[in-house]
PDB file of N, CA and C in Angstrom:
ATOM      1  N   UNK A   1     -22.910  71.390  75.012  1.00  0.00           N
ATOM      2  CA  UNK A   1     -22.755  70.561  73.829  1.00  0.00           C
ATOM      3  C   UNK A   1     -22.711  71.450  72.580  1.00  0.00           C
ATOM      4  N   UNK A   2     -21.792  71.153  71.676  1.00  0.00           N
ATOM      5  CA  UNK A   2     -21.677  71.952  70.458  1.00  0.00           C
ATOM      6  C   UNK A   2     -22.727  71.528  69.443  1.00  0.00           C
ATOM      7  N   UNK A   3     -23.048  72.442  68.552  1.00  0.00           N
ATOM      8  CA  UNK A   3     -24.022  72.173  67.508  1.00  0.00           C
ATOM      9  C   UNK A   3     -23.320  71.394  66.399  1.00  0.00           C
ATOM     10  N   UNK A   4     -23.761  70.173  66.144  1.00  0.00           N
ATOM     11  CA  UNK A   4     -23.083  69.299  65.190  1.00  0.00           C
ATOM     12  C   UNK A   4     -23.633  69.380  63.775  1.00  0.00           C
ATOM     13  N   UNK A   5     -24.709  70.126  63.565  1.00  0.00           N
ATOM     14  CA  UNK A   5     -25.282  70.245  62.230  1.00  0.00           C
ATOM     15  C   UNK A   5     -25.608  71.705  61.975  1.00  0.00           C
ATOM     16  N   UNK A   6     -25.084  72.255  60.878  1.00  0.00           N
ATOM     17  CA  UNK A   6     -25.270  73.665  60.535  1.00  0.00           C
ATOM     18  C   UNK A   6     -26.545  73.816  59.704  1.00  0.00           C
ATOM     19  N   UNK A   7     -27.657  73.979  60.411  1.00  0.00           N
ATOM     20  CA  UNK A   7     -28.965  74.062  59.760  1.00  0.00           C
ATOM     21  C   UNK A   7     -29.061  75.265  58.829  1.00  0.00           C
ATOM     22  N   UNK A   8     -28.508  76.392  59.242  1.00  0.00           N
ATOM     23  CA  UNK A   8     -28.590  77.603  58.410  1.00  0.00           C
ATOM     24  C   UNK A   8     -27.888  77.393  57.064  1.00  0.00           C
ATOM     25  N   UNK A   9     -26.705  76.814  57.095  1.00  0.00           N
ATOM     26  CA  UNK A   9     -25.982  76.566  55.851  1.00  0.00           C
ATOM     27  C   UNK A   9     -26.687  75.506  55.004  1.00  0.00           C
ATOM     28  N   UNK A  10     -27.253  74.502  55.669  1.00  0.00           N
ATOM     29  CA  UNK A  10     -27.995  73.461  54.953  1.00  0.00           C
ATOM     30  C   UNK A  10     -29.174  74.081  54.213  1.00  0.00           C
ATOM     31  N   UNK A  11     -29.923  74.938  54.887  1.00  0.00           N
ATOM     32  CA  UNK A  11     -31.078  75.557  54.245  1.00  0.00           C
ATOM     33  C   UNK A  11     -30.639  76.470  53.100  1.00  0.00           C
ATOM     34  N   UNK A  12     -29.545  77.207  53.298  1.00  0.00           N
ATOM     35  CA  UNK A  12     -29.047  78.079  52.230  1.00  0.00           C
ATOM     36  C   UNK A  12     -28.640  77.256  51.009  1.00  0.00           C
ATOM     37  N   UNK A  13     -27.996  76.111  51.235  1.00  0.00           N
ATOM     38  CA  UNK A  13     -27.605  75.244  50.114  1.00  0.00           C
ATOM     39  C   UNK A  13     -28.832  74.637  49.443  1.00  0.00           C
ATOM     40  N   UNK A  14     -29.834  74.250  50.239  1.00  0.00           N
ATOM     41  CA  UNK A  14     -31.093  73.761  49.660  1.00  0.00           C
ATOM     42  C   UNK A  14     -31.728  74.838  48.795  1.00  0.00           C
ATOM     43  N   UNK A  15     -31.725  76.059  49.302  1.00  0.00           N
ATOM     44  CA  UNK A  15     -32.296  77.162  48.536  1.00  0.00           C
ATOM     45  C   UNK A  15     -31.555  77.359  47.224  1.00  0.00           C
ATOM     46  N   UNK A  16     -30.241  77.259  47.255  1.00  0.00           N
ATOM     47  CA  UNK A  16     -29.459  77.393  46.018  1.00  0.00           C
ATOM     48  C   UNK A  16     -29.794  76.269  45.042  1.00  0.00           C
ATOM     49  N   UNK A  17     -29.954  75.041  45.555  1.00  0.00           N
ATOM     50  CA  UNK A  17     -30.333  73.913  44.695  1.00  0.00           C
ATOM     51  C   UNK A  17     -31.721  74.151  44.109  1.00  0.00           C
ATOM     52  N   UNK A  18     -32.628  74.656  44.942  1.00  0.00           N
ATOM     53  CA  UNK A  18     -33.988  74.956  44.490  1.00  0.00           C
ATOM     54  C   UNK A  18     -33.974  76.012  43.386  1.00  0.00           C
ATOM     55  N   UNK A  19     -33.228  77.087  43.609  1.00  0.00           N
ATOM     56  CA  UNK A  19     -33.158  78.159  42.617  1.00  0.00           C
ATOM     57  C   UNK A  19     -32.500  77.694  41.319  1.00  0.00           C
ATOM     58  N   UNK A  20     -31.481  76.850  41.430  1.00  0.00           N
ATOM     59  CA  UNK A  20     -30.799  76.382  40.220  1.00  0.00           C
ATOM     60  C   UNK A  20     -31.717  75.521  39.361  1.00  0.00           C
ATOM     61  N   UNK A  21     -32.740  74.938  40.000  1.00  0.00           N
ATOM     62  CA  UNK A  21     -33.713  74.118  39.265  1.00  0.00           C
ATOM     63  C   UNK A  21     -35.001  74.888  38.972  1.00  0.00           C
ATOM     64  N   UNK A  22     -34.999  76.164  39.312  1.00  0.00           N
ATOM     65  CA  UNK A  22     -36.145  77.049  39.099  1.00  0.00           C
ATOM     66  C   UNK A  22     -37.423  76.446  39.693  1.00  0.00           C
ATOM     67  N   UNK A  23     -37.317  76.013  40.947  1.00  0.00           N
ATOM     68  CA  UNK A  23     -38.438  75.408  41.647  1.00  0.00           C
ATOM     69  C   UNK A  23     -38.891  76.319  42.782  1.00  0.00           C
ATOM     70  N   UNK A  24     -40.146  76.168  43.177  1.00  0.00           N
ATOM     71  CA  UNK A  24     -40.656  76.832  44.365  1.00  0.00           C
ATOM     72  C   UNK A  24     -40.467  75.884  45.544  1.00  0.00           C
ATOM     73  N   UNK A  25     -40.643  76.411  46.757  1.00  0.00           N
ATOM     74  CA  UNK A  25     -40.569  75.536  47.929  1.00  0.00           C
ATOM     75  C   UNK A  25     -41.698  74.513  47.888  1.00  0.00           C
ATOM     76  N   UNK A  26     -42.827  74.894  47.331  1.00  0.00           N
ATOM     77  CA  UNK A  26     -43.945  73.948  47.189  1.00  0.00           C
ATOM     78  C   UNK A  26     -43.538  72.803  46.260  1.00  0.00           C
ATOM     79  N   UNK A  27     -42.806  73.120  45.194  1.00  0.00           N
ATOM     80  CA  UNK A  27     -42.294  72.084  44.287  1.00  0.00           C
ATOM     81  C   UNK A  27     -41.337  71.146  45.016  1.00  0.00           C
ATOM     82  N   UNK A  28     -40.469  71.730  45.852  1.00  0.00           N
ATOM     83  CA  UNK A  28     -39.514  70.921  46.617  1.00  0.00           C
ATOM     84  C   UNK A  28     -40.269  69.988  47.557  1.00  0.00           C
ATOM     85  N   UNK A  29     -41.284  70.515  48.221  1.00  0.00           N
ATOM     86  CA  UNK A  29     -42.088  69.690  49.127  1.00  0.00           C
ATOM     87  C   UNK A  29     -42.706  68.512  48.374  1.00  0.00           C
ATOM     88  N   UNK A  30     -43.249  68.784  47.203  1.00  0.00           N
ATOM     89  CA  UNK A  30     -43.863  67.722  46.411  1.00  0.00           C
ATOM     90  C   UNK A  30     -42.825  66.703  45.938  1.00  0.00           C
ATOM     91  N   UNK A  31     -41.664  67.173  45.535  1.00  0.00           N
ATOM     92  CA  UNK A  31     -40.621  66.287  45.009  1.00  0.00           C
ATOM     93  C   UNK A  31     -39.987  65.418  46.093  1.00  0.00           C
ATOM     94  N   UNK A  32     -39.954  65.929  47.324  1.00  0.00           N
ATOM     95  CA  UNK A  32     -39.254  65.221  48.392  1.00  0.00           C
ATOM     96  C   UNK A  32     -40.174  64.503  49.369  1.00  0.00           C
ATOM     97  N   UNK A  33     -41.440  64.891  49.397  1.00  0.00           N
ATOM     98  CA  UNK A  33     -42.344  64.335  50.392  1.00  0.00           C
ATOM     99  C   UNK A  33     -42.195  64.992  51.753  1.00  0.00           C
ATOM    100  N   UNK A  34     -41.406  66.056  51.820  1.00  0.00           N
ATOM    101  CA  UNK A  34     -41.232  66.807  53.068  1.00  0.00           C
ATOM    102  C   UNK A  34     -42.260  67.931  53.064  1.00  0.00           C
ATOM    103  N   UNK A  35     -43.034  68.024  54.135  1.00  0.00           N
ATOM    104  CA  UNK A  35     -44.088  69.034  54.214  1.00  0.00           C
ATOM    105  C   UNK A  35     -43.517  70.438  54.057  1.00  0.00           C
ATOM    106  N   UNK A  36     -44.266  71.297  53.368  1.00  0.00           N
ATOM    107  CA  UNK A  36     -43.849  72.689  53.193  1.00  0.00           C
ATOM    108  C   UNK A  36     -43.648  73.362  54.549  1.00  0.00           C
ATOM    109  N   UNK A  37     -44.481  73.018  55.528  1.00  0.00           N
ATOM    110  CA  UNK A  37     -44.322  73.612  56.863  1.00  0.00           C
ATOM    111  C   UNK A  37     -43.007  73.180  57.499  1.00  0.00           C
ATOM    112  N   UNK A  38     -42.563  71.962  57.222  1.00  0.00           N
ATOM    113  CA  UNK A  38     -41.270  71.491  57.729  1.00  0.00           C
ATOM    114  C   UNK A  38     -40.138  72.275  57.084  1.00  0.00           C
ATOM    115  N   UNK A  39     -40.246  72.510  55.778  1.00  0.00           N
ATOM    116  CA  UNK A  39     -39.225  73.303  55.082  1.00  0.00           C
ATOM    117  C   UNK A  39     -39.166  74.708  55.671  1.00  0.00           C
ATOM    118  N   UNK A  40     -40.308  75.274  55.971  1.00  0.00           N
ATOM    119  CA  UNK A  40     -40.355  76.602  56.571  1.00  0.00           C
ATOM    120  C   UNK A  40     -39.685  76.604  57.943  1.00  0.00           C
ATOM    121  N   UNK A  41     -39.945  75.581  58.742  1.00  0.00           N
ATOM    122  CA  UNK A  41     -39.325  75.499  60.070  1.00  0.00           C
ATOM    123  C   UNK A  41     -37.808  75.331  59.955  1.00  0.00           C
ATOM    124  N   UNK A  42     -37.350  74.547  58.980  1.00  0.00           N
ATOM    125  CA  UNK A  42     -35.905  74.404  58.771  1.00  0.00           C
ATOM    126  C   UNK A  42     -35.307  75.760  58.405  1.00  0.00           C
ATOM    127  N   UNK A  43     -36.015  76.519  57.576  1.00  0.00           N
ATOM    128  CA  UNK A  43     -35.568  77.858  57.209  1.00  0.00           C
ATOM    129  C   UNK A  43     -35.487  78.802  58.394  1.00  0.00           C
ATOM    130  N   UNK A  44     -36.236  78.494  59.449  1.00  0.00           N
ATOM    131  CA  UNK A  44     -36.222  79.310  60.664  1.00  0.00           C
ATOM    132  C   UNK A  44     -35.259  78.751  61.707  1.00  0.00           C
ATOM    133  N   UNK A  45     -34.489  77.706  61.333  1.00  0.00           N
ATOM    134  CA  UNK A  45     -33.459  77.198  62.227  1.00  0.00           C
ATOM    135  C   UNK A  45     -33.747  75.872  62.893  1.00  0.00           C
ATOM    136  N   UNK A  46     -34.934  75.289  62.670  1.00  0.00           N
ATOM    137  CA  UNK A  46     -35.244  73.990  63.272  1.00  0.00           C
ATOM    138  C   UNK A  46     -34.433  72.887  62.588  1.00  0.00           C
ATOM    139  N   UNK A  47     -34.021  71.920  63.370  1.00  0.00           N
ATOM    140  CA  UNK A  47     -33.283  70.782  62.813  1.00  0.00           C
ATOM    141  C   UNK A  47     -34.265  69.864  62.072  1.00  0.00           C
ATOM    142  N   UNK A  48     -33.886  69.387  60.886  1.00  0.00           N
ATOM    143  CA  UNK A  48     -34.766  68.443  60.186  1.00  0.00           C
ATOM    144  C   UNK A  48     -34.739  67.086  60.883  1.00  0.00           C
ATOM    145  N   UNK A  49     -35.868  66.353  60.795  1.00  0.00           N
ATOM    146  CA  UNK A  49     -35.844  64.988  61.322  1.00  0.00           C
ATOM    147  C   UNK A  49     -35.069  64.113  60.339  1.00  0.00           C
ATOM    148  N   UNK A  50     -34.719  62.937  60.768  1.00  0.00           N
ATOM    149  CA  UNK A  50     -33.830  62.092  59.958  1.00  0.00           C
ATOM    150  C   UNK A  50     -34.451  61.731  58.605  1.00  0.00           C
ATOM    151  N   UNK A  51     -35.747  61.463  58.563  1.00  0.00           N
ATOM    152  CA  UNK A  51     -36.378  61.124  57.283  1.00  0.00           C
ATOM    153  C   UNK A  51     -36.444  62.329  56.347  1.00  0.00           C
ATOM    154  N   UNK A  52     -36.758  63.485  56.908  1.00  0.00           N
ATOM    155  CA  UNK A  52     -36.773  64.701  56.096  1.00  0.00           C
ATOM    156  C   UNK A  52     -35.388  65.052  55.590  1.00  0.00           C
ATOM    157  N   UNK A  53     -34.402  64.919  56.469  1.00  0.00           N
ATOM    158  CA  UNK A  53     -33.018  65.181  56.078  1.00  0.00           C
ATOM    159  C   UNK A  53     -32.603  64.253  54.940  1.00  0.00           C
ATOM    160  N   UNK A  54     -32.910  62.978  55.083  1.00  0.00           N
ATOM    161  CA  UNK A  54     -32.532  62.003  54.046  1.00  0.00           C
ATOM    162  C   UNK A  54     -33.190  62.346  52.711  1.00  0.00           C
ATOM    163  N   UNK A  55     -34.479  62.692  52.743  1.00  0.00           N
ATOM    164  CA  UNK A  55     -35.192  63.024  51.505  1.00  0.00           C
ATOM    165  C   UNK A  55     -34.621  64.274  50.850  1.00  0.00           C
ATOM    166  N   UNK A  56     -34.310  65.281  51.657  1.00  0.00           N
ATOM    167  CA  UNK A  56     -33.770  66.528  51.114  1.00  0.00           C
ATOM    168  C   UNK A  56     -32.357  66.351  50.579  1.00  0.00           C
ATOM    169  N   UNK A  57     -31.560  65.547  51.263  1.00  0.00           N
ATOM    170  CA  UNK A  57     -30.209  65.273  50.774  1.00  0.00           C
ATOM    171  C   UNK A  57     -30.257  64.523  49.448  1.00  0.00           C
ATOM    172  N   UNK A  58     -31.135  63.538  49.359  1.00  0.00           N
ATOM    173  CA  UNK A  58     -31.270  62.758  48.112  1.00  0.00           C
ATOM    174  C   UNK A  58     -31.703  63.663  46.968  1.00  0.00           C
ATOM    175  N   UNK A  59     -32.704  64.492  47.211  1.00  0.00           N
ATOM    176  CA  UNK A  59     -33.211  65.377  46.164  1.00  0.00           C
ATOM    177  C   UNK A  59     -32.151  66.377  45.705  1.00  0.00           C
ATOM    178  N   UNK A  60     -31.459  66.981  46.653  1.00  0.00           N
ATOM    179  CA  UNK A  60     -30.519  68.050  46.326  1.00  0.00           C
ATOM    180  C   UNK A  60     -29.134  67.563  45.905  1.00  0.00           C
ATOM    181  N   UNK A  61     -28.863  66.279  46.174  1.00  0.00           N
ATOM    182  CA  UNK A  61     -27.545  65.687  45.926  1.00  0.00           C
ATOM    183  C   UNK A  61     -26.474  66.311  46.832  1.00  0.00           C
ATOM    184  N   UNK A  62     -26.914  66.958  47.900  1.00  0.00           N
ATOM    185  CA  UNK A  62     -25.985  67.469  48.907  1.00  0.00           C
ATOM    186  C   UNK A  62     -25.571  66.312  49.814  1.00  0.00           C
ATOM    187  N   UNK A  63     -24.479  66.475  50.483  1.00  0.00           N
ATOM    188  CA  UNK A  63     -23.971  65.465  51.415  1.00  0.00           C
ATOM    189  C   UNK A  63     -24.079  66.022  52.827  1.00  0.00           C
ATOM    190  N   UNK A  64     -24.594  65.220  53.747  1.00  0.00           N
ATOM    191  CA  UNK A  64     -24.767  65.668  55.134  1.00  0.00           C
ATOM    192  C   UNK A  64     -23.457  66.150  55.722  1.00  0.00           C
ATOM    193  N   UNK A  65     -22.364  65.483  55.359  1.00  0.00           N
ATOM    194  CA  UNK A  65     -21.067  65.858  55.937  1.00  0.00           C
ATOM    195  C   UNK A  65     -20.637  67.273  55.554  1.00  0.00           C
ATOM    196  N   UNK A  66     -21.261  67.838  54.526  1.00  0.00           N
ATOM    197  CA  UNK A  66     -20.954  69.227  54.153  1.00  0.00           C
ATOM    198  C   UNK A  66     -21.401  70.209  55.229  1.00  0.00           C
ATOM    199  N   UNK A  67     -22.293  69.766  56.109  1.00  0.00           N
ATOM    200  CA  UNK A  67     -22.874  70.647  57.117  1.00  0.00           C
ATOM    201  C   UNK A  67     -22.517  70.214  58.531  1.00  0.00           C
ATOM    202  N   UNK A  68     -21.537  69.330  58.610  1.00  0.00           N
ATOM    203  CA  UNK A  68     -21.012  68.888  59.894  1.00  0.00           C
ATOM    204  C   UNK A  68     -19.547  69.299  59.934  1.00  0.00           C
ATOM    205  N   UNK A  69     -19.164  70.092  60.919  1.00  0.00           N
ATOM    206  CA  UNK A  69     -17.775  70.569  60.985  1.00  0.00           C
ATOM    207  C   UNK A  69     -16.759  69.421  60.890  1.00  0.00           C
ATOM    208  N   UNK A  70     -15.707  69.647  60.080  1.00  0.00           N
ATOM    209  CA  UNK A  70     -14.634  68.671  59.945  1.00  0.00           C
ATOM    210  C   UNK A  70     -14.816  67.683  58.818  1.00  0.00           C
ATOM    211  N   UNK A  71     -15.839  67.862  57.988  1.00  0.00           N
ATOM    212  CA  UNK A  71     -16.065  66.945  56.865  1.00  0.00           C
ATOM    213  C   UNK A  71     -16.029  67.715  55.556  1.00  0.00           C
ATOM    214  N   UNK A  72     -16.120  67.004  54.429  1.00  0.00           N
ATOM    215  CA  UNK A  72     -16.000  67.643  53.117  1.00  0.00           C
ATOM    216  C   UNK A  72     -17.294  67.569  52.324  1.00  0.00           C
ATOM    217  N   UNK A  73     -17.403  68.413  51.288  1.00  0.00           N
ATOM    218  CA  UNK A  73     -18.598  68.483  50.449  1.00  0.00           C
ATOM    219  C   UNK A  73     -18.636  67.375  49.403  1.00  0.00           C
ATOM    220  N   UNK A  74     -19.835  67.040  48.935  1.00  0.00           N
ATOM    221  CA  UNK A  74     -20.023  66.003  47.919  1.00  0.00           C
ATOM    222  C   UNK A  74     -20.287  66.593  46.551  1.00  0.00           C
ATOM    223  N   UNK A  75     -20.951  65.833  45.706  1.00  0.00           N
ATOM    224  CA  UNK A  75     -21.215  66.232  44.326  1.00  0.00           C
ATOM    225  C   UNK A  75     -22.579  66.898  44.183  1.00  0.00           C
ATOM    226  N   UNK A  76     -22.751  68.026  44.788  1.00  0.00           N
ATOM    227  CA  UNK A  76     -23.986  68.798  44.702  1.00  0.00           C
ATOM    228  C   UNK A  76     -23.907  69.731  43.494  1.00  0.00           C
ATOM    229  N   UNK A  77     -25.039  70.330  43.110  1.00  0.00           N
ATOM    230  CA  UNK A  77     -24.996  71.329  42.042  1.00  0.00           C
ATOM    231  C   UNK A  77     -24.008  72.445  42.415  1.00  0.00           C
ATOM    232  N   UNK A  78     -23.361  73.038  41.424  1.00  0.00           N
ATOM    233  CA  UNK A  78     -22.336  74.049  41.708  1.00  0.00           C
ATOM    234  C   UNK A  78     -22.789  75.162  42.646  1.00  0.00           C
ATOM    235  N   UNK A  79     -23.988  75.708  42.441  1.00  0.00           N
ATOM    236  CA  UNK A  79     -24.433  76.791  43.312  1.00  0.00           C
ATOM    237  C   UNK A  79     -24.634  76.320  44.747  1.00  0.00           C
ATOM    238  N   UNK A  80     -25.102  75.103  44.918  1.00  0.00           N
ATOM    239  CA  UNK A  80     -25.273  74.567  46.263  1.00  0.00           C
ATOM    240  C   UNK A  80     -23.911  74.382  46.938  1.00  0.00           C
ATOM    241  N   UNK A  81     -22.919  73.898  46.190  1.00  0.00           N
ATOM    242  CA  UNK A  81     -21.573  73.730  46.742  1.00  0.00           C
ATOM    243  C   UNK A  81     -20.977  75.079  47.145  1.00  0.00           C
ATOM    244  N   UNK A  82     -21.143  76.068  46.268  1.00  0.00           N
ATOM    245  CA  UNK A  82     -20.593  77.393  46.542  1.00  0.00           C
ATOM    246  C   UNK A  82     -21.227  77.966  47.802  1.00  0.00           C
ATOM    247  N   UNK A  83     -22.542  77.831  47.914  1.00  0.00           N
ATOM    248  CA  UNK A  83     -23.237  78.334  49.092  1.00  0.00           C
ATOM    249  C   UNK A  83     -22.728  77.663  50.354  1.00  0.00           C
ATOM    250  N   UNK A  84     -22.608  76.345  50.313  1.00  0.00           N
ATOM    251  CA  UNK A  84     -22.123  75.611  51.479  1.00  0.00           C
ATOM    252  C   UNK A  84     -20.702  76.034  51.841  1.00  0.00           C
ATOM    253  N   UNK A  85     -19.852  76.214  50.836  1.00  0.00           N
ATOM    254  CA  UNK A  85     -18.471  76.619  51.091  1.00  0.00           C
ATOM    255  C   UNK A  85     -18.386  78.031  51.658  1.00  0.00           C
ATOM    256  N   UNK A  86     -19.183  78.935  51.118  1.00  0.00           N
ATOM    257  CA  UNK A  86     -19.172  80.304  51.642  1.00  0.00           C
ATOM    258  C   UNK A  86     -19.624  80.328  53.092  1.00  0.00           C
ATOM    259  N   UNK A  87     -20.674  79.569  53.406  1.00  0.00           N
ATOM    260  CA  UNK A  87     -21.196  79.549  54.773  1.00  0.00           C
ATOM    261  C   UNK A  87     -20.213  78.893  55.742  1.00  0.00           C
ATOM    262  N   UNK A  88     -19.356  78.008  55.229  1.00  0.00           N
ATOM    263  CA  UNK A  88     -18.390  77.315  56.091  1.00  0.00           C
ATOM    264  C   UNK A  88     -17.063  78.055  56.218  1.00  0.00           C
ATOM    265  N   UNK A  89     -16.862  79.107  55.441  1.00  0.00           N
ATOM    266  CA  UNK A  89     -15.592  79.834  55.437  1.00  0.00           C
ATOM    267  C   UNK A  89     -15.400  80.571  56.765  1.00  0.00           C
ATOM    268  N   UNK A  90     -14.383  80.190  57.545  1.00  0.00           N
ATOM    269  CA  UNK A  90     -14.163  80.854  58.835  1.00  0.00           C
ATOM    270  C   UNK A  90     -13.693  82.304  58.698  1.00  0.00           C
ATOM    271  N   UNK A  91     -13.298  82.697  57.493  1.00  0.00           N
ATOM    272  CA  UNK A  91     -12.839  84.066  57.263  1.00  0.00           C
ATOM    273  C   UNK A  91     -13.985  85.030  56.977  1.00  0.00           C
ATOM    274  N   UNK A  92     -15.207  84.492  56.830  1.00  0.00           N
ATOM    275  CA  UNK A  92     -16.363  85.331  56.546  1.00  0.00           C
ATOM    276  C   UNK A  92     -17.333  85.292  57.721  1.00  0.00           C
ATOM    277  N   UNK A  93     -17.857  86.450  58.073  1.00  0.00           N
ATOM    278  CA  UNK A  93     -18.932  86.466  59.059  1.00  0.00           C
ATOM    279  C   UNK A  93     -20.174  85.881  58.391  1.00  0.00           C
ATOM    280  N   UNK A  94     -21.147  85.418  59.145  1.00  0.00           N
ATOM    281  CA  UNK A  94     -22.379  84.914  58.523  1.00  0.00           C
ATOM    282  C   UNK A  94     -23.035  85.940  57.608  1.00  0.00           C
ATOM    283  N   UNK A  95     -23.001  87.204  58.005  1.00  0.00           N
ATOM    284  CA  UNK A  95     -23.585  88.263  57.173  1.00  0.00           C
ATOM    285  C   UNK A  95     -22.815  88.408  55.864  1.00  0.00           C
ATOM    286  N   UNK A  96     -21.477  88.398  55.930  1.00  0.00           N
ATOM    287  CA  UNK A  96     -20.668  88.536  54.720  1.00  0.00           C
ATOM    288  C   UNK A  96     -20.776  87.305  53.829  1.00  0.00           C
ATOM    289  N   UNK A  97     -20.902  86.124  54.433  1.00  0.00           N
ATOM    290  CA  UNK A  97     -21.085  84.906  53.645  1.00  0.00           C
ATOM    291  C   UNK A  97     -22.398  84.988  52.870  1.00  0.00           C
ATOM    292  N   UNK A  98     -23.444  85.473  53.531  1.00  0.00           N
ATOM    293  CA  UNK A  98     -24.742  85.603  52.863  1.00  0.00           C
ATOM    294  C   UNK A  98     -24.665  86.633  51.732  1.00  0.00           C
ATOM    295  N   UNK A  99     -23.966  87.727  51.958  1.00  0.00           N
ATOM    296  CA  UNK A  99     -23.791  88.743  50.923  1.00  0.00           C
ATOM    297  C   UNK A  99     -23.067  88.161  49.712  1.00  0.00           C
ATOM    298  N   UNK A 100     -21.987  87.418  49.970  1.00  0.00           N
ATOM    299  CA  UNK A 100     -21.252  86.773  48.874  1.00  0.00           C
ATOM    300  C   UNK A 100     -22.163  85.799  48.118  1.00  0.00           C
ATOM    301  N   UNK A 101     -22.952  85.035  48.863  1.00  0.00           N
ATOM    302  CA  UNK A 101     -23.885  84.094  48.255  1.00  0.00           C
ATOM    303  C   UNK A 101     -24.855  84.826  47.332  1.00  0.00           C
ATOM    304  N   UNK A 102     -25.404  85.938  47.797  1.00  0.00           N
ATOM    305  CA  UNK A 102     -26.339  86.708  46.977  1.00  0.00           C
ATOM    306  C   UNK A 102     -25.665  87.232  45.719  1.00  0.00           C
ATOM    307  N   UNK A 103     -24.424  87.684  45.834  1.00  0.00           N
ATOM    308  CA  UNK A 103     -23.683  88.189  44.679  1.00  0.00           C
ATOM    309  C   UNK A 103     -23.450  87.064  43.669  1.00  0.00           C
ATOM    310  N   UNK A 104     -23.005  85.914  44.160  1.00  0.00           N
ATOM    311  CA  UNK A 104     -22.725  84.778  43.274  1.00  0.00           C
ATOM    312  C   UNK A 104     -24.008  84.315  42.586  1.00  0.00           C
ATOM    313  N   UNK A 105     -25.089  84.148  43.366  1.00  0.00           N
ATOM    314  CA  UNK A 105     -26.353  83.686  42.781  1.00  0.00           C
ATOM    315  C   UNK A 105     -26.873  84.660  41.729  1.00  0.00           C
ATOM    316  N   UNK A 106     -26.817  85.948  42.048  1.00  0.00           N
ATOM    317  CA  UNK A 106     -27.292  86.963  41.114  1.00  0.00           C
ATOM    318  C   UNK A 106     -26.455  86.968  39.841  1.00  0.00           C
ATOM    319  N   UNK A 107     -25.142  86.939  39.999  1.00  0.00           N
ATOM    320  CA  UNK A 107     -24.248  86.947  38.847  1.00  0.00           C
ATOM    321  C   UNK A 107     -24.423  85.688  38.013  1.00  0.00           C
ATOM    322  N   UNK A 108     -24.491  84.549  38.674  1.00  0.00           N
ATOM    323  CA  UNK A 108     -24.677  83.277  37.965  1.00  0.00           C
ATOM    324  C   UNK A 108     -25.960  83.299  37.138  1.00  0.00           C
ATOM    325  N   UNK A 109     -27.065  83.695  37.763  1.00  0.00           N
ATOM    326  CA  UNK A 109     -28.343  83.719  37.048  1.00  0.00           C
ATOM    327  C   UNK A 109     -28.320  84.707  35.895  1.00  0.00           C
ATOM    328  N   UNK A 110     -27.651  85.812  36.079  1.00  0.00           N
ATOM    329  CA  UNK A 110     -27.573  86.813  35.004  1.00  0.00           C
ATOM    330  C   UNK A 110     -26.743  86.296  33.836  1.00  0.00           C
ATOM    331  N   UNK A 111     -25.621  85.629  34.144  1.00  0.00           N
ATOM    332  CA  UNK A 111     -24.731  85.153  33.083  1.00  0.00           C
ATOM    333  C   UNK A 111     -25.286  83.925  32.369  1.00  0.00           C
ATOM    334  N   UNK A 112     -25.983  83.052  33.091  1.00  0.00           N
ATOM    335  CA  UNK A 112     -26.489  81.842  32.429  1.00  0.00           C
ATOM    336  C   UNK A 112     -27.623  82.161  31.470  1.00  0.00           C
ATOM    337  N   UNK A 113     -28.263  83.315  31.635  1.00  0.00           N
ATOM    338  CA  UNK A 113     -29.336  83.734  30.748  1.00  0.00           C
ATOM    339  C   UNK A 113     -28.795  84.381  29.480  1.00  0.00           C
ATOM    340  N   UNK A 114     -27.537  84.721  29.469  1.00  0.00           N
ATOM    341  CA  UNK A 114     -26.940  85.423  28.313  1.00  0.00           C
ATOM    342  C   UNK A 114     -26.768  84.494  27.137  1.00  0.00           C
TER     343      UNK A 114
END
C-alpha cells in the first residue's frame, strides 16, 4: 500500500507556519490543543490522528490535500506554501528540498527584518 499522506512535508510546512508567527512548539500546542509530545512524534514521522490533524490544519490554514499526492495547495501562509511546494517537487531530492527550504526561510527572515 502506498503512503497517502506526506507527514514529513506536513511537519515542515507546520514548522514554517510556526516560524512565520514567531511561535514555539509549546505555543503551537497551546493554540491547537495538540499535545507537545504529539507534535514531537509527528516531527519524527508519526501520522497525526484525525483530531490532531484537523486542529493543526485549522491553526496553520494549510490544506490536507497539499500533502496528499495528486491534490493542490490552499491559502496557507506564504512560507508554509513554499515549504510544501518544495517538498512536493519531484525534481528535488528530499535533502535538496530541505536545503532550498532553509535558504528561503533564512532569506525571508533576513529581508523582512530590513
